[in-house]
Protein backbone atom coordinates (compact mmCIF):
# COMPACT_ATOMS: atom_id res chain seq x y z
CA MET A 1 90.59 100.45 117.99
CA THR A 2 93.75 101.86 119.73
CA VAL A 3 96.11 104.40 117.63
CA LYS A 4 99.80 104.88 118.14
CA TYR A 5 102.17 107.39 116.73
CA THR A 6 106.34 107.25 115.49
CA GLN A 7 108.46 110.27 115.82
CA GLU A 8 108.64 110.01 111.95
CA HIS A 9 104.94 111.43 111.79
CA GLU A 10 102.85 108.16 110.91
CA TRP A 11 100.15 106.72 113.10
CA VAL A 12 99.32 103.05 113.18
CA ARG A 13 95.82 101.75 113.57
CA LEU A 14 95.91 98.74 115.40
CA GLU A 15 92.95 96.42 114.27
CA ALA A 16 91.99 92.37 115.19
CA GLY A 17 94.77 90.61 116.02
CA ASP A 18 98.09 91.41 113.96
CA ALA A 19 96.19 93.45 111.36
CA ALA A 20 96.83 97.23 111.57
CA VAL A 21 96.60 100.51 109.19
CA VAL A 22 99.43 103.47 108.62
CA GLY A 23 99.13 106.61 107.47
CA ILE A 24 100.80 109.89 107.77
CA THR A 25 99.46 112.17 110.59
CA VAL A 26 97.77 115.55 110.29
CA HIS A 27 101.00 117.50 111.65
CA ALA A 28 103.00 115.67 108.56
CA GLN A 29 100.45 116.71 105.70
CA ASP A 30 100.28 120.42 107.03
CA ALA A 31 103.58 120.22 107.12
CA LEU A 32 103.76 119.10 103.53
CA GLY A 33 100.64 120.99 102.03
CA ASP A 34 99.35 120.15 99.05
CA VAL A 35 100.14 115.99 98.53
CA VAL A 36 100.61 115.02 94.66
CA PHE A 37 101.95 112.17 94.52
CA VAL A 38 101.69 109.09 96.73
CA ASP A 39 104.43 105.70 96.06
CA LEU A 40 102.80 103.06 98.41
CA PRO A 41 104.89 99.56 99.49
CA GLU A 42 104.66 96.28 97.59
CA VAL A 43 101.70 94.03 98.60
CA GLY A 44 103.27 91.04 100.36
CA ARG A 45 106.62 92.60 101.33
CA ARG A 46 108.03 92.30 104.18
CA TYR A 47 109.40 95.39 105.85
CA ALA A 48 111.52 95.98 109.07
CA LYS A 49 110.86 98.55 111.51
CA GLY A 50 112.30 102.21 110.54
CA GLU A 51 112.59 100.91 106.57
CA VAL A 52 111.52 103.16 104.18
CA ALA A 53 108.09 102.18 102.87
CA GLY A 54 106.79 104.41 100.79
CA VAL A 55 107.70 108.14 99.01
CA VAL A 56 104.89 111.14 99.34
CA GLU A 57 105.67 114.08 97.55
CA SER A 58 103.71 117.74 97.55
CA VAL A 59 104.12 121.01 96.44
CA LYS A 60 106.64 121.76 98.65
CA ALA A 61 108.86 118.53 99.48
CA ALA A 62 109.21 114.86 99.15
CA ALA A 63 109.05 112.65 102.30
CA ASP A 64 109.62 108.99 103.09
CA VAL A 65 107.16 106.98 104.89
CA TYR A 66 108.27 104.47 107.38
CA MET A 67 107.41 101.23 108.29
CA PRO A 68 106.60 101.87 112.30
CA VAL A 69 106.53 97.85 113.21
CA THR A 70 107.87 94.87 111.48
CA GLY A 71 105.73 93.41 109.21
CA GLU A 72 104.11 92.11 106.16
CA VAL A 73 102.13 94.58 103.72
CA THR A 74 99.01 93.04 103.01
CA GLU A 75 96.89 95.67 101.34
CA VAL A 76 97.81 99.38 99.67
CA ASN A 77 95.22 102.40 99.34
CA GLU A 78 94.77 102.25 95.43
CA SER A 79 92.28 105.42 96.17
CA LEU A 80 95.03 107.23 97.75
CA ARG A 81 97.06 106.61 94.54
CA ALA A 82 94.11 107.78 92.43
CA ASP A 83 93.61 110.86 94.70
CA PRO A 84 96.63 111.49 97.20
CA SER A 85 95.04 114.72 98.09
CA LEU A 86 92.78 112.12 100.44
CA ALA A 87 96.31 112.48 103.00
CA ASN A 88 95.35 116.22 102.93
CA THR A 89 91.65 116.06 103.34
CA ASP A 90 91.36 112.64 105.46
CA PRO A 91 94.87 111.45 106.80
CA LEU A 92 93.71 109.72 109.56
CA GLY A 93 90.58 107.91 107.57
CA GLN A 94 90.41 107.91 104.09
CA GLY A 95 93.54 108.74 103.34
CA TRP A 96 95.06 105.75 104.94
CA PHE A 97 98.32 104.65 103.07
CA PHE A 98 98.90 100.81 103.72
CA LYS A 99 97.47 97.81 105.78
CA VAL A 100 99.92 95.36 107.35
CA LYS A 101 100.19 91.87 109.12
CA LEU A 102 102.16 92.58 112.29
CA ALA A 103 104.93 90.69 112.79
CA ASP A 104 105.26 91.11 116.47
CA VAL A 105 102.66 93.29 118.23
CA SER A 106 104.22 94.12 120.95
CA GLU A 107 106.12 96.46 119.26
CA THR A 108 103.61 98.78 119.13
CA SER A 109 103.87 99.46 122.74
CA GLY A 110 107.09 101.42 121.86
CA LEU A 111 105.27 104.13 119.69
CA MET A 112 103.43 107.07 121.40
CA ASP A 113 99.89 107.33 121.95
CA GLU A 114 97.87 110.55 120.95
CA THR A 115 98.61 112.64 124.36
CA ALA A 116 102.20 111.79 123.94
CA TYR A 117 102.37 112.90 120.12
CA ASN A 118 100.60 115.84 120.29
CA ASP A 119 103.34 116.79 123.20
CA PHE A 120 106.40 115.57 120.76
CA SER A 121 104.75 117.23 117.73
CA LYS A 122 104.53 120.84 118.83
CA ASN A 123 108.38 121.04 119.29
CA ALA A 124 108.95 119.23 115.49
């Protein structure tokens, strides 16, 4: 599975066909601190790339979660809604935010790979 990253500190894990999973990066959760609330997008809603699709709140701050690619939300992580700390304890696994059906898989080519994201986040 390929994982791509955005400058807004979201990750996108590409799955079979036009399916993808979205969450926040380790860097994002480190910067936020203890996550206490998540506002997840509506299942079935279509979002444009760059549109705000949710919010994550911590003891230190609140931050928007942006849609990294154009697509339709197919599922949200109800476990994360019930236990927002999953965004801290397992941000790249059980702390995922939502799943999306990509409108155009080629949009992911403009996102960063892990090496590029690590270099980017060192200066963020």
